[in-house]
Amino acid sequence: MLVGKLLEEKLPHLCWTLYVTHCIDLMLEKIGKLSMINKTIQRGVSLLGFIYSHSSLLRQFTNKRELVSQQLQGLVGTSYLSLQRLHQKNGNLRKMFISNKWSKNCS
């Protein structure tokens, strides 16, 4: 709390609160309840489940990067971060799905 007060003194335009992470989590939770957003999140979760359950090739095609952070599981923001990672790795995931290795692995 002391650091927050010192920051407010040095930067008067800064709005500091102890529970910023909690507030952001609550906002993301409410946004996630919007039907279009919820549908997108559910599709992303389904896609991730499909990829993880059917492929040992994921790490090879995503430069040894996971799509879901194990450290953040359980937080509301995890869904959004996973969607972001799917978007970032879109090209590599497409290559994985059309590869001969994928066809052999999933047949």
PDB file of N, CA and C in Angstrom:
ATOM      1  N   MET A   1       0.829  -1.191   0.000  1.00  0.00           N
ATOM      2  CA  MET A   1       0.000   0.000   0.000  1.00  0.00           C
ATOM      3  C   MET A   1       0.865   1.243   0.000  1.00  0.00           C
ATOM      4  N   LEU A   2       1.996   1.173   0.687  1.00  0.00           N
ATOM      5  CA  LEU A   2       2.893   2.322   0.735  1.00  0.00           C
ATOM      6  C   LEU A   2       3.399   2.670  -0.659  1.00  0.00           C
ATOM      7  N   VAL A   3       3.756   1.651  -1.418  1.00  0.00           N
ATOM      8  CA  VAL A   3       4.244   1.880  -2.780  1.00  0.00           C
ATOM      9  C   VAL A   3       3.155   2.546  -3.610  1.00  0.00           C
ATOM     10  N   GLY A   4       1.922   2.101  -3.464  1.00  0.00           N
ATOM     11  CA  GLY A   4       0.808   2.706  -4.194  1.00  0.00           C
ATOM     12  C   GLY A   4       0.633   4.167  -3.847  1.00  0.00           C
ATOM     13  N   LYS A   5       0.734   4.497  -2.582  1.00  0.00           N
ATOM     14  CA  LYS A   5       0.609   5.899  -2.166  1.00  0.00           C
ATOM     15  C   LYS A   5       1.753   6.746  -2.702  1.00  0.00           C
ATOM     16  N   LEU A   6       2.959   6.199  -2.686  1.00  0.00           N
ATOM     17  CA  LEU A   6       4.111   6.930  -3.228  1.00  0.00           C
ATOM     18  C   LEU A   6       3.952   7.167  -4.727  1.00  0.00           C
ATOM     19  N   LEU A   7       3.454   6.171  -5.424  1.00  0.00           N
ATOM     20  CA  LEU A   7       3.221   6.332  -6.863  1.00  0.00           C
ATOM     21  C   LEU A   7       2.171   7.404  -7.125  1.00  0.00           C
ATOM     22  N   GLU A   8       1.112   7.420  -6.342  1.00  0.00           N
ATOM     23  CA  GLU A   8       0.075   8.434  -6.511  1.00  0.00           C
ATOM     24  C   GLU A   8       0.621   9.839  -6.281  1.00  0.00           C
ATOM     25  N   GLU A   9       1.542   9.972  -5.325  1.00  0.00           N
ATOM     26  CA  GLU A   9       2.138  11.288  -5.059  1.00  0.00           C
ATOM     27  C   GLU A   9       3.009  11.733  -6.228  1.00  0.00           C
ATOM     28  N   LYS A  10       3.801  10.820  -6.775  1.00  0.00           N
ATOM     29  CA  LYS A  10       4.688  11.154  -7.887  1.00  0.00           C
ATOM     30  C   LYS A  10       3.933  11.332  -9.189  1.00  0.00           C
ATOM     31  N   LEU A  11       2.880  10.550  -9.387  1.00  0.00           N
ATOM     32  CA  LEU A  11       2.106  10.570 -10.630  1.00  0.00           C
ATOM     33  C   LEU A  11       0.639  10.819 -10.291  1.00  0.00           C
ATOM     34  N   PRO A  12       0.238  12.089 -10.131  1.00  0.00           N
ATOM     35  CA  PRO A  12      -1.117  12.392  -9.675  1.00  0.00           C
ATOM     36  C   PRO A  12      -2.222  11.886 -10.613  1.00  0.00           C
ATOM     37  N   HIS A  13      -1.886  11.677 -11.886  1.00  0.00           N
ATOM     38  CA  HIS A  13      -2.905  11.185 -12.816  1.00  0.00           C
ATOM     39  C   HIS A  13      -3.113   9.674 -12.707  1.00  0.00           C
ATOM     40  N   LEU A  14      -2.275   9.005 -11.940  1.00  0.00           N
ATOM     41  CA  LEU A  14      -2.354   7.559 -11.769  1.00  0.00           C
ATOM     42  C   LEU A  14      -3.467   7.211 -10.792  1.00  0.00           C
ATOM     43  N   CYS A  15      -4.304   6.302 -11.205  1.00  0.00           N
ATOM     44  CA  CYS A  15      -5.361   5.809 -10.320  1.00  0.00           C
ATOM     45  C   CYS A  15      -4.945   4.418  -9.874  1.00  0.00           C
ATOM     46  N   TRP A  16      -4.582   4.274  -8.639  1.00  0.00           N
ATOM     47  CA  TRP A  16      -4.056   3.015  -8.129  1.00  0.00           C
ATOM     48  C   TRP A  16      -5.049   2.372  -7.184  1.00  0.00           C
ATOM     49  N   THR A  17      -5.182   1.077  -7.310  1.00  0.00           N
ATOM     50  CA  THR A  17      -6.020   0.343  -6.382  1.00  0.00           C
ATOM     51  C   THR A  17      -5.382  -1.007  -6.095  1.00  0.00           C
ATOM     52  N   LEU A  18      -5.576  -1.493  -4.925  1.00  0.00           N
ATOM     53  CA  LEU A  18      -4.997  -2.753  -4.504  1.00  0.00           C
ATOM     54  C   LEU A  18      -5.599  -3.932  -5.255  1.00  0.00           C
ATOM     55  N   TYR A  19      -6.820  -3.792  -5.716  1.00  0.00           N
ATOM     56  CA  TYR A  19      -7.550  -4.907  -6.297  1.00  0.00           C
ATOM     57  C   TYR A  19      -7.738  -4.778  -7.811  1.00  0.00           C
ATOM     58  N   VAL A  20      -6.767  -4.214  -8.506  1.00  0.00           N
ATOM     59  CA  VAL A  20      -6.874  -4.026  -9.947  1.00  0.00           C
ATOM     60  C   VAL A  20      -7.081  -5.370 -10.646  1.00  0.00           C
ATOM     61  N   THR A  21      -6.306  -6.361 -10.295  1.00  0.00           N
ATOM     62  CA  THR A  21      -6.417  -7.667 -10.932  1.00  0.00           C
ATOM     63  C   THR A  21      -7.812  -8.247 -10.739  1.00  0.00           C
ATOM     64  N   HIS A  22      -8.334  -8.114  -9.552  1.00  0.00           N
ATOM     65  CA  HIS A  22      -9.679  -8.627  -9.257  1.00  0.00           C
ATOM     66  C   HIS A  22     -10.721  -7.883 -10.100  1.00  0.00           C
ATOM     67  N   CYS A  23     -10.593  -6.565 -10.205  1.00  0.00           N
ATOM     68  CA  CYS A  23     -11.543  -5.766 -10.992  1.00  0.00           C
ATOM     69  C   CYS A  23     -11.499  -6.165 -12.462  1.00  0.00           C
ATOM     70  N   ILE A  24     -10.303  -6.339 -13.006  1.00  0.00           N
ATOM     71  CA  ILE A  24     -10.164  -6.754 -14.403  1.00  0.00           C
ATOM     72  C   ILE A  24     -10.771  -8.136 -14.590  1.00  0.00           C
ATOM     73  N   ASP A  25     -10.535  -9.027 -13.652  1.00  0.00           N
ATOM     74  CA  ASP A  25     -11.102 -10.368 -13.722  1.00  0.00           C
ATOM     75  C   ASP A  25     -12.629 -10.317 -13.747  1.00  0.00           C
ATOM     76  N   LEU A  26     -13.212  -9.465 -12.919  1.00  0.00           N
ATOM     77  CA  LEU A  26     -14.670  -9.320 -12.895  1.00  0.00           C
ATOM     78  C   LEU A  26     -15.194  -8.752 -14.210  1.00  0.00           C
ATOM     79  N   MET A  27     -14.473  -7.772 -14.776  1.00  0.00           N
ATOM     80  CA  MET A  27     -14.886  -7.209 -16.064  1.00  0.00           C
ATOM     81  C   MET A  27     -14.843  -8.263 -17.159  1.00  0.00           C
ATOM     82  N   LEU A  28     -13.759  -9.039 -17.202  1.00  0.00           N
ATOM     83  CA  LEU A  28     -13.638 -10.086 -18.217  1.00  0.00           C
ATOM     84  C   LEU A  28     -14.717 -11.152 -18.049  1.00  0.00           C
ATOM     85  N   GLU A  29     -15.064 -11.436 -16.807  1.00  0.00           N
ATOM     86  CA  GLU A  29     -16.120 -12.413 -16.543  1.00  0.00           C
ATOM     87  C   GLU A  29     -17.456 -11.924 -17.106  1.00  0.00           C
ATOM     88  N   LYS A  30     -17.764 -10.638 -16.890  1.00  0.00           N
ATOM     89  CA  LYS A  30     -19.021 -10.079 -17.406  1.00  0.00           C
ATOM     90  C   LYS A  30     -19.008 -10.018 -18.930  1.00  0.00           C
ATOM     91  N   ILE A  31     -17.884  -9.623 -19.507  1.00  0.00           N
ATOM     92  CA  ILE A  31     -17.769  -9.577 -20.968  1.00  0.00           C
ATOM     93  C   ILE A  31     -17.954 -10.981 -21.531  1.00  0.00           C
ATOM     94  N   GLY A  32     -17.397 -11.977 -20.858  1.00  0.00           N
ATOM     95  CA  GLY A  32     -17.507 -13.357 -21.300  1.00  0.00           C
ATOM     96  C   GLY A  32     -18.918 -13.908 -21.279  1.00  0.00           C
ATOM     97  N   LYS A  33     -19.830 -13.241 -20.604  1.00  0.00           N
ATOM     98  CA  LYS A  33     -21.221 -13.674 -20.562  1.00  0.00           C
ATOM     99  C   LYS A  33     -22.022 -13.167 -21.757  1.00  0.00           C
ATOM    100  N   LEU A  34     -21.481 -12.210 -22.497  1.00  0.00           N
ATOM    101  CA  LEU A  34     -22.152 -11.744 -23.716  1.00  0.00           C
ATOM    102  C   LEU A  34     -22.192 -12.907 -24.701  1.00  0.00           C
ATOM    103  N   SER A  35     -23.335 -13.115 -25.339  1.00  0.00           N
ATOM    104  CA  SER A  35     -23.522 -14.333 -26.135  1.00  0.00           C
ATOM    105  C   SER A  35     -22.466 -14.514 -27.220  1.00  0.00           C
ATOM    106  N   MET A  36     -22.126 -13.466 -27.946  1.00  0.00           N
ATOM    107  CA  MET A  36     -21.147 -13.604 -29.024  1.00  0.00           C
ATOM    108  C   MET A  36     -19.760 -13.945 -28.463  1.00  0.00           C
ATOM    109  N   ILE A  37     -19.384 -13.313 -27.377  1.00  0.00           N
ATOM    110  CA  ILE A  37     -18.082 -13.561 -26.752  1.00  0.00           C
ATOM    111  C   ILE A  37     -18.061 -14.963 -26.158  1.00  0.00           C
ATOM    112  N   ASN A  38     -19.149 -15.329 -25.478  1.00  0.00           N
ATOM    113  CA  ASN A  38     -19.234 -16.646 -24.877  1.00  0.00           C
ATOM    114  C   ASN A  38     -19.115 -17.739 -25.937  1.00  0.00           C
ATOM    115  N   LYS A  39     -19.784 -17.546 -27.056  1.00  0.00           N
ATOM    116  CA  LYS A  39     -19.732 -18.518 -28.149  1.00  0.00           C
ATOM    117  C   LYS A  39     -18.303 -18.652 -28.682  1.00  0.00           C
ATOM    118  N   THR A  40     -17.610 -17.533 -28.821  1.00  0.00           N
ATOM    119  CA  THR A  40     -16.223 -17.549 -29.301  1.00  0.00           C
ATOM    120  C   THR A  40     -15.318 -18.276 -28.314  1.00  0.00           C
ATOM    121  N   ILE A  41     -15.496 -17.985 -27.034  1.00  0.00           N
ATOM    122  CA  ILE A  41     -14.691 -18.650 -26.001  1.00  0.00           C
ATOM    123  C   ILE A  41     -14.947 -20.150 -26.024  1.00  0.00           C
ATOM    124  N   GLN A  42     -16.221 -20.565 -26.120  1.00  0.00           N
ATOM    125  CA  GLN A  42     -16.547 -21.988 -26.134  1.00  0.00           C
ATOM    126  C   GLN A  42     -15.942 -22.686 -27.352  1.00  0.00           C
ATOM    127  N   ARG A  43     -15.969 -22.016 -28.496  1.00  0.00           N
ATOM    128  CA  ARG A  43     -15.357 -22.591 -29.697  1.00  0.00           C
ATOM    129  C   ARG A  43     -13.845 -22.730 -29.523  1.00  0.00           C
ATOM    130  N   GLY A  44     -13.231 -21.722 -28.929  1.00  0.00           N
ATOM    131  CA  GLY A  44     -11.791 -21.775 -28.686  1.00  0.00           C
ATOM    132  C   GLY A  44     -11.420 -22.898 -27.733  1.00  0.00           C
ATOM    133  N   VAL A  45     -12.207 -23.051 -26.669  1.00  0.00           N
ATOM    134  CA  VAL A  45     -11.962 -24.114 -25.694  1.00  0.00           C
ATOM    135  C   VAL A  45     -12.127 -25.483 -26.361  1.00  0.00           C
ATOM    136  N   SER A  46     -13.149 -25.626 -27.198  1.00  0.00           N
ATOM    137  CA  SER A  46     -13.358 -26.895 -27.912  1.00  0.00           C
ATOM    138  C   SER A  46     -12.200 -27.195 -28.841  1.00  0.00           C
ATOM    139  N   LEU A  47     -11.735 -26.172 -29.559  1.00  0.00           N
ATOM    140  CA  LEU A  47     -10.611 -26.345 -30.469  1.00  0.00           C
ATOM    141  C   LEU A  47      -9.354 -26.750 -29.706  1.00  0.00           C
ATOM    142  N   LEU A  48      -9.111 -26.086 -28.599  1.00  0.00           N
ATOM    143  CA  LEU A  48      -7.943 -26.440 -27.786  1.00  0.00           C
ATOM    144  C   LEU A  48      -8.033 -27.876 -27.286  1.00  0.00           C
ATOM    145  N   GLY A  49      -9.215 -28.272 -26.830  1.00  0.00           N
ATOM    146  CA  GLY A  49      -9.404 -29.642 -26.368  1.00  0.00           C
ATOM    147  C   GLY A  49      -9.146 -30.647 -27.475  1.00  0.00           C
ATOM    148  N   PHE A  50      -9.635 -30.332 -28.668  1.00  0.00           N
ATOM    149  CA  PHE A  50      -9.421 -31.216 -29.810  1.00  0.00           C
ATOM    150  C   PHE A  50      -7.934 -31.327 -30.139  1.00  0.00           C
ATOM    151  N   ILE A  51      -7.265 -30.203 -30.196  1.00  0.00           N
ATOM    152  CA  ILE A  51      -5.837 -30.201 -30.537  1.00  0.00           C
ATOM    153  C   ILE A  51      -5.044 -30.994 -29.497  1.00  0.00           C
ATOM    154  N   TYR A  52      -5.278 -30.710 -28.221  1.00  0.00           N
ATOM    155  CA  TYR A  52      -4.504 -31.366 -27.176  1.00  0.00           C
ATOM    156  C   TYR A  52      -4.808 -32.865 -27.070  1.00  0.00           C
ATOM    157  N   SER A  53      -6.019 -33.273 -27.395  1.00  0.00           N
ATOM    158  CA  SER A  53      -6.350 -34.694 -27.259  1.00  0.00           C
ATOM    159  C   SER A  53      -5.981 -35.519 -28.488  1.00  0.00           C
ATOM    160  N   HIS A  54      -5.700 -34.869 -29.609  1.00  0.00           N
ATOM    161  CA  HIS A  54      -5.431 -35.606 -30.839  1.00  0.00           C
ATOM    162  C   HIS A  54      -4.033 -35.420 -31.406  1.00  0.00           C
ATOM    163  N   SER A  55      -3.221 -34.638 -30.783  1.00  0.00           N
ATOM    164  CA  SER A  55      -1.962 -34.375 -31.454  1.00  0.00           C
ATOM    165  C   SER A  55      -0.784 -34.277 -30.505  1.00  0.00           C
ATOM    166  N   SER A  56       0.250 -34.993 -30.864  1.00  0.00           N
ATOM    167  CA  SER A  56       1.531 -34.830 -30.178  1.00  0.00           C
ATOM    168  C   SER A  56       2.414 -33.878 -30.979  1.00  0.00           C
ATOM    169  N   LEU A  57       1.843 -33.328 -32.044  1.00  0.00           N
ATOM    170  CA  LEU A  57       2.600 -32.460 -32.950  1.00  0.00           C
ATOM    171  C   LEU A  57       2.545 -30.985 -32.556  1.00  0.00           C
ATOM    172  N   LEU A  58       1.713 -30.650 -31.609  1.00  0.00           N
ATOM    173  CA  LEU A  58       1.480 -29.254 -31.264  1.00  0.00           C
ATOM    174  C   LEU A  58       2.764 -28.489 -30.999  1.00  0.00           C
ATOM    175  N   ARG A  59       3.593 -28.997 -30.135  1.00  0.00           N
ATOM    176  CA  ARG A  59       4.812 -28.270 -29.770  1.00  0.00           C
ATOM    177  C   ARG A  59       5.750 -28.110 -30.961  1.00  0.00           C
ATOM    178  N   GLN A  60       5.746 -29.090 -31.858  1.00  0.00           N
ATOM    179  CA  GLN A  60       6.595 -29.008 -33.048  1.00  0.00           C
ATOM    180  C   GLN A  60       6.148 -27.856 -33.954  1.00  0.00           C
ATOM    181  N   PHE A  61       4.842 -27.676 -34.108  1.00  0.00           N
ATOM    182  CA  PHE A  61       4.324 -26.657 -35.010  1.00  0.00           C
ATOM    183  C   PHE A  61       4.164 -25.287 -34.355  1.00  0.00           C
ATOM    184  N   THR A  62       4.295 -25.200 -33.038  1.00  0.00           N
ATOM    185  CA  THR A  62       4.170 -23.904 -32.355  1.00  0.00           C
ATOM    186  C   THR A  62       5.486 -23.491 -31.709  1.00  0.00           C
ATOM    187  N   ASN A  63       6.592 -23.984 -32.252  1.00  0.00           N
ATOM    188  CA  ASN A  63       7.918 -23.647 -31.726  1.00  0.00           C
ATOM    189  C   ASN A  63       8.047 -23.944 -30.233  1.00  0.00           C
ATOM    190  N   LYS A  64       7.548 -25.118 -29.847  1.00  0.00           N
ATOM    191  CA  LYS A  64       7.621 -25.609 -28.465  1.00  0.00           C
ATOM    192  C   LYS A  64       6.889 -24.724 -27.467  1.00  0.00           C
ATOM    193  N   ARG A  65       5.886 -23.984 -27.946  1.00  0.00           N
ATOM    194  CA  ARG A  65       5.079 -23.132 -27.068  1.00  0.00           C
ATOM    195  C   ARG A  65       3.728 -23.780 -26.820  1.00  0.00           C
ATOM    196  N   GLU A  66       3.277 -23.715 -25.598  1.00  0.00           N
ATOM    197  CA  GLU A  66       1.954 -24.219 -25.258  1.00  0.00           C
ATOM    198  C   GLU A  66       0.906 -23.185 -25.655  1.00  0.00           C
ATOM    199  N   LEU A  67      -0.316 -23.629 -25.894  1.00  0.00           N
ATOM    200  CA  LEU A  67      -1.404 -22.710 -26.206  1.00  0.00           C
ATOM    201  C   LEU A  67      -2.121 -22.252 -24.940  1.00  0.00           C
ATOM    202  N   VAL A  68      -2.040 -23.052 -23.889  1.00  0.00           N
ATOM    203  CA  VAL A  68      -2.686 -22.723 -22.621  1.00  0.00           C
ATOM    204  C   VAL A  68      -1.615 -22.657 -21.551  1.00  0.00           C
ATOM    205  N   SER A  69      -1.583 -21.564 -20.813  1.00  0.00           N
ATOM    206  CA  SER A  69      -0.611 -21.413 -19.739  1.00  0.00           C
ATOM    207  C   SER A  69      -1.059 -22.196 -18.511  1.00  0.00           C
ATOM    208  N   GLN A  70      -0.228 -23.121 -18.076  1.00  0.00           N
ATOM    209  CA  GLN A  70      -0.549 -23.920 -16.894  1.00  0.00           C
ATOM    210  C   GLN A  70      -0.563 -23.058 -15.637  1.00  0.00           C
ATOM    211  N   GLN A  71       0.217 -21.988 -15.634  1.00  0.00           N
ATOM    212  CA  GLN A  71       0.324 -21.128 -14.457  1.00  0.00           C
ATOM    213  C   GLN A  71      -0.939 -20.313 -14.220  1.00  0.00           C
ATOM    214  N   LEU A  72      -1.689 -20.035 -15.289  1.00  0.00           N
ATOM    215  CA  LEU A  72      -2.842 -19.152 -15.169  1.00  0.00           C
ATOM    216  C   LEU A  72      -4.173 -19.880 -15.128  1.00  0.00           C
ATOM    217  N   GLN A  73      -4.170 -21.198 -15.145  1.00  0.00           N
ATOM    218  CA  GLN A  73      -5.430 -21.921 -15.178  1.00  0.00           C
ATOM    219  C   GLN A  73      -6.272 -21.580 -13.971  1.00  0.00           C
ATOM    220  N   GLY A  74      -7.563 -21.419 -14.215  1.00  0.00           N
ATOM    221  CA  GLY A  74      -8.489 -21.088 -13.151  1.00  0.00           C
ATOM    222  C   GLY A  74      -8.860 -19.614 -13.138  1.00  0.00           C
ATOM    223  N   LEU A  75      -8.056 -18.779 -13.769  1.00  0.00           N
ATOM    224  CA  LEU A  75      -8.394 -17.358 -13.857  1.00  0.00           C
ATOM    225  C   LEU A  75      -9.294 -17.127 -15.061  1.00  0.00           C
ATOM    226  N   VAL A  76     -10.197 -16.183 -14.957  1.00  0.00           N
ATOM    227  CA  VAL A  76     -11.100 -15.870 -16.055  1.00  0.00           C
ATOM    228  C   VAL A  76     -10.310 -15.448 -17.286  1.00  0.00           C
ATOM    229  N   GLY A  77      -9.249 -14.699 -17.104  1.00  0.00           N
ATOM    230  CA  GLY A  77      -8.452 -14.202 -18.219  1.00  0.00           C
ATOM    231  C   GLY A  77      -7.771 -15.289 -19.020  1.00  0.00           C
ATOM    232  N   THR A  78      -7.693 -16.502 -18.484  1.00  0.00           N
ATOM    233  CA  THR A  78      -7.047 -17.603 -19.187  1.00  0.00           C
ATOM    234  C   THR A  78      -7.710 -17.858 -20.534  1.00  0.00           C
ATOM    235  N   SER A  79      -9.036 -17.788 -20.589  1.00  0.00           N
ATOM    236  CA  SER A  79      -9.749 -18.013 -21.849  1.00  0.00           C
ATOM    237  C   SER A  79      -9.331 -16.994 -22.895  1.00  0.00           C
ATOM    238  N   TYR A  80      -9.217 -15.744 -22.488  1.00  0.00           N
ATOM    239  CA  TYR A  80      -8.844 -14.688 -23.420  1.00  0.00           C
ATOM    240  C   TYR A  80      -7.398 -14.849 -23.879  1.00  0.00           C
ATOM    241  N   LEU A  81      -6.528 -15.226 -22.966  1.00  0.00           N
ATOM    242  CA  LEU A  81      -5.125 -15.452 -23.327  1.00  0.00           C
ATOM    243  C   LEU A  81      -4.994 -16.639 -24.272  1.00  0.00           C
ATOM    244  N   SER A  82      -5.806 -17.670 -24.053  1.00  0.00           N
ATOM    245  CA  SER A  82      -5.783 -18.832 -24.941  1.00  0.00           C
ATOM    246  C   SER A  82      -6.270 -18.458 -26.338  1.00  0.00           C
ATOM    247  N   LEU A  83      -7.330 -17.642 -26.409  1.00  0.00           N
ATOM    248  CA  LEU A  83      -7.806 -17.168 -27.715  1.00  0.00           C
ATOM    249  C   LEU A  83      -6.737 -16.337 -28.413  1.00  0.00           C
ATOM    250  N   GLN A  84      -6.050 -15.517 -27.645  1.00  0.00           N
ATOM    251  CA  GLN A  84      -4.970 -14.716 -28.214  1.00  0.00           C
ATOM    252  C   GLN A  84      -3.870 -15.616 -28.772  1.00  0.00           C
ATOM    253  N   ARG A  85      -3.500 -16.652 -28.027  1.00  0.00           N
ATOM    254  CA  ARG A  85      -2.458 -17.566 -28.478  1.00  0.00           C
ATOM    255  C   ARG A  85      -2.903 -18.324 -29.731  1.00  0.00           C
ATOM    256  N   LEU A  86      -4.189 -18.744 -29.777  1.00  0.00           N
ATOM    257  CA  LEU A  86      -4.711 -19.388 -30.981  1.00  0.00           C
ATOM    258  C   LEU A  86      -4.582 -18.456 -32.185  1.00  0.00           C
ATOM    259  N   HIS A  87      -4.909 -17.201 -31.971  1.00  0.00           N
ATOM    260  CA  HIS A  87      -4.815 -16.208 -33.050  1.00  0.00           C
ATOM    261  C   HIS A  87      -3.355 -16.010 -33.479  1.00  0.00           C
ATOM    262  N   GLN A  88      -2.461 -15.905 -32.512  1.00  0.00           N
ATOM    263  CA  GLN A  88      -1.044 -15.700 -32.820  1.00  0.00           C
ATOM    264  C   GLN A  88      -0.450 -16.885 -33.569  1.00  0.00           C
ATOM    265  N   LYS A  89      -0.864 -18.075 -33.225  1.00  0.00           N
ATOM    266  CA  LYS A  89      -0.307 -19.297 -33.811  1.00  0.00           C
ATOM    267  C   LYS A  89      -1.180 -19.836 -34.950  1.00  0.00           C
ATOM    268  N   ASN A  90      -2.107 -19.029 -35.438  1.00  0.00           N
ATOM    269  CA  ASN A  90      -3.045 -19.426 -36.476  1.00  0.00           C
ATOM    270  C   ASN A  90      -2.346 -20.062 -37.681  1.00  0.00           C
ATOM    271  N   GLY A  91      -1.330 -19.422 -38.218  1.00  0.00           N
ATOM    272  CA  GLY A  91      -0.619 -19.933 -39.390  1.00  0.00           C
ATOM    273  C   GLY A  91       0.025 -21.280 -39.125  1.00  0.00           C
ATOM    274  N   ASN A  92       0.693 -21.396 -37.980  1.00  0.00           N
ATOM    275  CA  ASN A  92       1.349 -22.659 -37.628  1.00  0.00           C
ATOM    276  C   ASN A  92       0.336 -23.770 -37.381  1.00  0.00           C
ATOM    277  N   LEU A  93      -0.802 -23.426 -36.782  1.00  0.00           N
ATOM    278  CA  LEU A  93      -1.832 -24.440 -36.538  1.00  0.00           C
ATOM    279  C   LEU A  93      -2.431 -24.925 -37.858  1.00  0.00           C
ATOM    280  N   ARG A  94      -2.617 -24.009 -38.800  1.00  0.00           N
ATOM    281  CA  ARG A  94      -3.114 -24.408 -40.129  1.00  0.00           C
ATOM    282  C   ARG A  94      -2.140 -25.378 -40.785  1.00  0.00           C
ATOM    283  N   LYS A  95      -0.845 -25.059 -40.702  1.00  0.00           N
ATOM    284  CA  LYS A  95       0.173 -25.950 -41.266  1.00  0.00           C
ATOM    285  C   LYS A  95       0.114 -27.320 -40.605  1.00  0.00           C
ATOM    286  N   MET A  96      -0.122 -27.342 -39.287  1.00  0.00           N
ATOM    287  CA  MET A  96      -0.199 -28.607 -38.564  1.00  0.00           C
ATOM    288  C   MET A  96      -1.389 -29.429 -39.059  1.00  0.00           C
ATOM    289  N   PHE A  97      -2.560 -28.787 -39.205  1.00  0.00           N
ATOM    290  CA  PHE A  97      -3.764 -29.513 -39.600  1.00  0.00           C
ATOM    291  C   PHE A  97      -3.678 -30.079 -41.013  1.00  0.00           C
ATOM    292  N   ILE A  98      -2.941 -29.426 -41.915  1.00  0.00           N
ATOM    293  CA  ILE A  98      -2.858 -29.930 -43.288  1.00  0.00           C
ATOM    294  C   ILE A  98      -1.617 -30.784 -43.533  1.00  0.00           C
ATOM    295  N   SER A  99      -0.813 -30.983 -42.500  1.00  0.00           N
ATOM    296  CA  SER A  99       0.414 -31.758 -42.668  1.00  0.00           C
ATOM    297  C   SER A  99       0.125 -33.255 -42.770  1.00  0.00           C
ATOM    298  N   ASN A 100       1.021 -33.957 -43.440  1.00  0.00           N
ATOM    299  CA  ASN A 100       0.923 -35.412 -43.513  1.00  0.00           C
ATOM    300  C   ASN A 100       1.072 -36.031 -42.130  1.00  0.00           C
ATOM    301  N   LYS A 101       1.899 -35.408 -41.299  1.00  0.00           N
ATOM    302  CA  LYS A 101       2.090 -35.920 -39.932  1.00  0.00           C
ATOM    303  C   LYS A 101       0.773 -35.904 -39.150  1.00  0.00           C
ATOM    304  N   TRP A 102      -0.007 -34.835 -39.321  1.00  0.00           N
ATOM    305  CA  TRP A 102      -1.300 -34.747 -38.643  1.00  0.00           C
ATOM    306  C   TRP A 102      -2.226 -35.859 -39.143  1.00  0.00           C
ATOM    307  N   SER A 103      -2.274 -36.040 -40.458  1.00  0.00           N
ATOM    308  CA  SER A 103      -3.135 -37.083 -41.042  1.00  0.00           C
ATOM    309  C   SER A 103      -2.768 -38.461 -40.504  1.00  0.00           C
ATOM    310  N   LYS A 104      -1.493 -38.751 -40.426  1.00  0.00           N
ATOM    311  CA  LYS A 104      -1.032 -40.052 -39.925  1.00  0.00           C
ATOM    312  C   LYS A 104      -1.310 -40.204 -38.435  1.00  0.00           C
ATOM    313  N   ASN A 105      -1.115 -39.107 -37.691  1.00  0.00           N
ATOM    314  CA  ASN A 105      -1.269 -39.136 -36.240  1.00  0.00           C
ATOM    315  C   ASN A 105      -2.725 -39.304 -35.822  1.00  0.00           C
ATOM    316  N   CYS A 106      -3.632 -38.734 -36.590  1.00  0.00           N
ATOM    317  CA  CYS A 106      -5.046 -38.707 -36.187  1.00  0.00           C
ATOM    318  C   CYS A 106      -5.895 -39.735 -36.929  1.00  0.00           C
ATOM    319  N   SER A 107      -5.305 -40.599 -37.715  1.00  0.00           N
ATOM    320  CA  SER A 107      -6.112 -41.580 -38.432  1.00  0.00           C
ATOM    321  C   SER A 107      -6.238 -42.871 -37.671  1.00  0.00           C
TER     322      SER A 107
END
